[in-house]
Amino acid sequence: MVGRSYRLLEPISSLAWKANKQHIMTVPDGAIVTVLEDPDSEKMLAVEWSHTRLTMFAVDLERRGELVTDQEPDSQSAAG
């Protein structure tokens, strides 16, 4: 799972650390998150979204996200 990116089909709540405190952050639908490391357990994943490291439930990502494949067109390269 490490390095794979997922597009969220629904918003997902996650945890972020700021100023040594945990904060709940909602990642919106349409956002793309990238798995940073294998989960410590089958329950939680470390992901990156918008240059922020977050922790979210693996089941949420599996149920509310879709794997982004390499075959999908890059919107930036299509322009121009």
N, C-alpha and C. Protein backbone atom coordinates (compact mmCIF):
# COMPACT_ATOMS: atom_id res chain seq x y z
N MET A 1 0.81 -1.20 0.00
CA MET A 1 0.00 0.00 0.00
C MET A 1 0.85 1.27 0.00
N VAL A 2 2.07 1.17 0.48
CA VAL A 2 2.93 2.36 0.56
C VAL A 2 3.15 2.95 -0.82
N GLY A 3 3.00 4.25 -0.93
CA GLY A 3 3.21 4.95 -2.18
C GLY A 3 1.98 5.02 -3.07
N ARG A 4 0.95 4.25 -2.75
CA ARG A 4 -0.27 4.29 -3.55
C ARG A 4 -1.08 5.53 -3.21
N SER A 5 -1.74 6.07 -4.23
CA SER A 5 -2.58 7.23 -4.04
C SER A 5 -4.04 6.86 -4.24
N TYR A 6 -4.89 7.51 -3.46
CA TYR A 6 -6.33 7.25 -3.50
C TYR A 6 -7.08 8.56 -3.62
N ARG A 7 -8.11 8.56 -4.47
CA ARG A 7 -9.02 9.70 -4.60
C ARG A 7 -10.21 9.42 -3.69
N LEU A 8 -10.55 10.38 -2.84
CA LEU A 8 -11.66 10.18 -1.91
C LEU A 8 -12.99 10.43 -2.61
N LEU A 9 -13.91 9.50 -2.42
CA LEU A 9 -15.25 9.61 -2.99
C LEU A 9 -16.21 10.29 -2.01
N GLU A 10 -15.81 10.33 -0.75
CA GLU A 10 -16.56 10.98 0.32
C GLU A 10 -15.55 11.60 1.28
N PRO A 11 -15.95 12.62 2.02
CA PRO A 11 -15.04 13.19 3.02
C PRO A 11 -14.66 12.14 4.08
N ILE A 12 -13.44 12.24 4.59
CA ILE A 12 -12.95 11.33 5.63
C ILE A 12 -12.34 12.15 6.76
N SER A 13 -12.72 11.81 7.98
CA SER A 13 -12.09 12.43 9.16
C SER A 13 -10.73 11.80 9.38
N SER A 14 -9.78 12.62 9.81
CA SER A 14 -8.43 12.14 10.06
C SER A 14 -7.85 12.91 11.25
N LEU A 15 -6.68 12.47 11.68
CA LEU A 15 -5.99 13.15 12.77
C LEU A 15 -4.72 13.80 12.25
N ALA A 16 -4.47 15.01 12.70
CA ALA A 16 -3.25 15.73 12.34
C ALA A 16 -2.62 16.27 13.62
N TRP A 17 -1.30 16.38 13.63
CA TRP A 17 -0.58 16.95 14.78
C TRP A 17 -0.18 18.38 14.43
N LYS A 18 -0.55 19.31 15.30
CA LYS A 18 -0.13 20.70 15.15
C LYS A 18 0.19 21.23 16.54
N ALA A 19 1.35 21.82 16.68
CA ALA A 19 1.80 22.37 17.97
C ALA A 19 1.69 21.31 19.07
N ASN A 20 2.15 20.11 18.75
CA ASN A 20 2.16 18.99 19.70
C ASN A 20 0.79 18.60 20.23
N LYS A 21 -0.26 18.91 19.48
CA LYS A 21 -1.62 18.51 19.85
C LYS A 21 -2.29 17.86 18.65
N GLN A 22 -3.12 16.86 18.94
CA GLN A 22 -3.88 16.22 17.87
C GLN A 22 -5.10 17.06 17.54
N HIS A 23 -5.38 17.15 16.24
CA HIS A 23 -6.55 17.87 15.76
C HIS A 23 -7.28 16.98 14.77
N ILE A 24 -8.60 17.05 14.80
CA ILE A 24 -9.39 16.33 13.80
C ILE A 24 -9.46 17.21 12.56
N MET A 25 -9.20 16.59 11.41
CA MET A 25 -9.22 17.31 10.15
C MET A 25 -10.06 16.49 9.17
N THR A 26 -10.94 17.13 8.44
CA THR A 26 -11.74 16.44 7.44
C THR A 26 -11.09 16.64 6.08
N VAL A 27 -10.79 15.53 5.42
CA VAL A 27 -10.24 15.58 4.07
C VAL A 27 -11.44 15.50 3.12
N PRO A 28 -11.59 16.47 2.21
CA PRO A 28 -12.80 16.54 1.39
C PRO A 28 -12.84 15.49 0.28
N ASP A 29 -14.07 15.23 -0.20
CA ASP A 29 -14.18 14.32 -1.34
C ASP A 29 -13.47 14.94 -2.53
N GLY A 30 -12.90 14.10 -3.38
CA GLY A 30 -12.12 14.55 -4.53
C GLY A 30 -10.64 14.72 -4.22
N ALA A 31 -10.29 14.80 -2.95
CA ALA A 31 -8.88 14.96 -2.57
C ALA A 31 -8.13 13.67 -2.86
N ILE A 32 -6.84 13.80 -3.14
CA ILE A 32 -5.99 12.63 -3.37
C ILE A 32 -5.00 12.54 -2.21
N VAL A 33 -5.01 11.39 -1.55
CA VAL A 33 -4.08 11.14 -0.44
C VAL A 33 -3.12 10.04 -0.86
N THR A 34 -1.91 10.09 -0.33
CA THR A 34 -0.89 9.09 -0.63
C THR A 34 -0.50 8.39 0.66
N VAL A 35 -0.48 7.06 0.63
CA VAL A 35 -0.10 6.27 1.80
C VAL A 35 1.40 6.39 2.00
N LEU A 36 1.82 6.79 3.20
CA LEU A 36 3.23 7.02 3.49
C LEU A 36 3.96 5.81 4.04
N GLU A 37 3.27 5.00 4.81
CA GLU A 37 3.94 3.84 5.42
C GLU A 37 2.92 2.76 5.71
N ASP A 38 3.42 1.54 5.82
CA ASP A 38 2.54 0.43 6.18
C ASP A 38 1.95 0.70 7.55
N PRO A 39 0.72 0.30 7.73
CA PRO A 39 0.07 0.56 9.02
C PRO A 39 0.71 -0.24 10.15
N ASP A 40 0.69 0.34 11.36
CA ASP A 40 1.17 -0.37 12.55
C ASP A 40 0.23 -1.53 12.83
N SER A 41 -1.02 -1.32 12.50
CA SER A 41 -2.03 -2.35 12.67
C SER A 41 -2.86 -2.32 11.40
N GLU A 42 -3.89 -3.10 11.35
CA GLU A 42 -4.76 -3.09 10.17
C GLU A 42 -5.76 -1.95 10.24
N LYS A 43 -5.68 -1.14 11.29
CA LYS A 43 -6.71 -0.14 11.51
C LYS A 43 -6.35 1.27 11.08
N MET A 44 -5.11 1.70 11.26
CA MET A 44 -4.73 3.09 11.00
C MET A 44 -3.64 3.18 9.94
N LEU A 45 -3.72 4.24 9.12
CA LEU A 45 -2.73 4.49 8.06
C LEU A 45 -2.16 5.89 8.21
N ALA A 46 -0.90 6.04 7.89
CA ALA A 46 -0.29 7.36 7.77
C ALA A 46 -0.39 7.75 6.29
N VAL A 47 -0.96 8.92 6.03
CA VAL A 47 -1.12 9.40 4.66
C VAL A 47 -0.66 10.85 4.57
N GLU A 48 -0.47 11.32 3.34
CA GLU A 48 -0.16 12.72 3.11
C GLU A 48 -1.23 13.32 2.23
N TRP A 49 -1.70 14.51 2.62
CA TRP A 49 -2.65 15.27 1.83
C TRP A 49 -2.29 16.74 1.97
N SER A 50 -2.17 17.40 0.87
CA SER A 50 -1.89 18.84 0.86
C SER A 50 -0.67 19.18 1.73
N HIS A 51 0.40 18.40 1.57
CA HIS A 51 1.66 18.58 2.29
C HIS A 51 1.52 18.42 3.80
N THR A 52 0.50 17.69 4.23
CA THR A 52 0.25 17.46 5.65
C THR A 52 0.19 15.96 5.91
N ARG A 53 0.89 15.53 6.94
CA ARG A 53 0.86 14.12 7.34
C ARG A 53 -0.36 13.91 8.24
N LEU A 54 -1.15 12.91 7.92
CA LEU A 54 -2.38 12.62 8.64
C LEU A 54 -2.44 11.14 8.99
N THR A 55 -3.30 10.81 9.94
CA THR A 55 -3.59 9.41 10.27
C THR A 55 -5.08 9.21 10.05
N MET A 56 -5.44 8.13 9.33
CA MET A 56 -6.85 7.84 9.12
C MET A 56 -7.08 6.34 9.20
N PHE A 57 -8.33 5.98 9.40
CA PHE A 57 -8.68 4.57 9.46
C PHE A 57 -8.54 3.95 8.08
N ALA A 58 -7.89 2.78 8.02
CA ALA A 58 -7.71 2.06 6.75
C ALA A 58 -9.05 1.71 6.14
N VAL A 59 -10.00 1.32 6.97
CA VAL A 59 -11.32 0.93 6.45
C VAL A 59 -12.01 2.11 5.78
N ASP A 60 -11.83 3.32 6.29
CA ASP A 60 -12.41 4.50 5.65
C ASP A 60 -11.83 4.69 4.25
N LEU A 61 -10.53 4.56 4.14
CA LEU A 61 -9.88 4.72 2.84
C LEU A 61 -10.33 3.64 1.86
N GLU A 62 -10.45 2.41 2.34
CA GLU A 62 -10.89 1.31 1.48
C GLU A 62 -12.32 1.49 1.00
N ARG A 63 -13.19 1.96 1.89
CA ARG A 63 -14.61 2.09 1.55
C ARG A 63 -14.97 3.39 0.85
N ARG A 64 -14.21 4.44 1.12
CA ARG A 64 -14.56 5.76 0.60
C ARG A 64 -13.57 6.33 -0.40
N GLY A 65 -12.61 5.50 -0.82
CA GLY A 65 -11.62 5.97 -1.77
C GLY A 65 -11.47 5.01 -2.92
N GLU A 66 -10.87 5.50 -4.00
CA GLU A 66 -10.56 4.64 -5.14
C GLU A 66 -9.09 4.81 -5.49
N LEU A 67 -8.46 3.71 -5.83
CA LEU A 67 -7.05 3.74 -6.19
C LEU A 67 -6.85 4.56 -7.45
N VAL A 68 -5.88 5.46 -7.42
CA VAL A 68 -5.53 6.25 -8.60
C VAL A 68 -4.50 5.45 -9.38
N THR A 69 -4.82 5.13 -10.62
CA THR A 69 -3.93 4.32 -11.44
C THR A 69 -3.02 5.19 -12.28
N ASP A 70 -1.91 4.62 -12.73
CA ASP A 70 -0.94 5.34 -13.56
C ASP A 70 -1.51 5.70 -14.93
N GLN A 71 -2.56 5.01 -15.36
CA GLN A 71 -3.13 5.24 -16.69
C GLN A 71 -4.00 6.49 -16.75
N GLU A 72 -4.35 7.06 -15.61
CA GLU A 72 -5.21 8.23 -15.62
C GLU A 72 -4.44 9.42 -16.17
N PRO A 73 -5.09 10.23 -17.01
CA PRO A 73 -4.40 11.38 -17.60
C PRO A 73 -4.05 12.41 -16.55
N ASP A 74 -2.91 13.02 -16.72
CA ASP A 74 -2.45 14.10 -15.84
C ASP A 74 -3.02 15.40 -16.38
N SER A 75 -3.81 16.08 -15.59
CA SER A 75 -4.49 17.30 -16.07
C SER A 75 -3.49 18.37 -16.49
N GLN A 76 -2.32 18.41 -15.87
CA GLN A 76 -1.33 19.43 -16.23
C GLN A 76 -0.68 19.11 -17.57
N SER A 77 -0.41 17.83 -17.83
CA SER A 77 0.25 17.50 -19.10
C SER A 77 -0.73 17.56 -20.26
N ALA A 78 -2.04 17.46 -19.99
CA ALA A 78 -3.04 17.51 -21.05
C ALA A 78 -3.24 18.95 -21.54
N ALA A 79 -2.91 19.92 -20.72
CA ALA A 79 -3.07 21.31 -21.13
C ALA A 79 -1.95 21.71 -22.06
N GLY A 80 -2.35 22.43 -23.09
CA GLY A 80 -1.35 23.03 -23.80
C GLY A 80 -0.84 22.80 -25.07
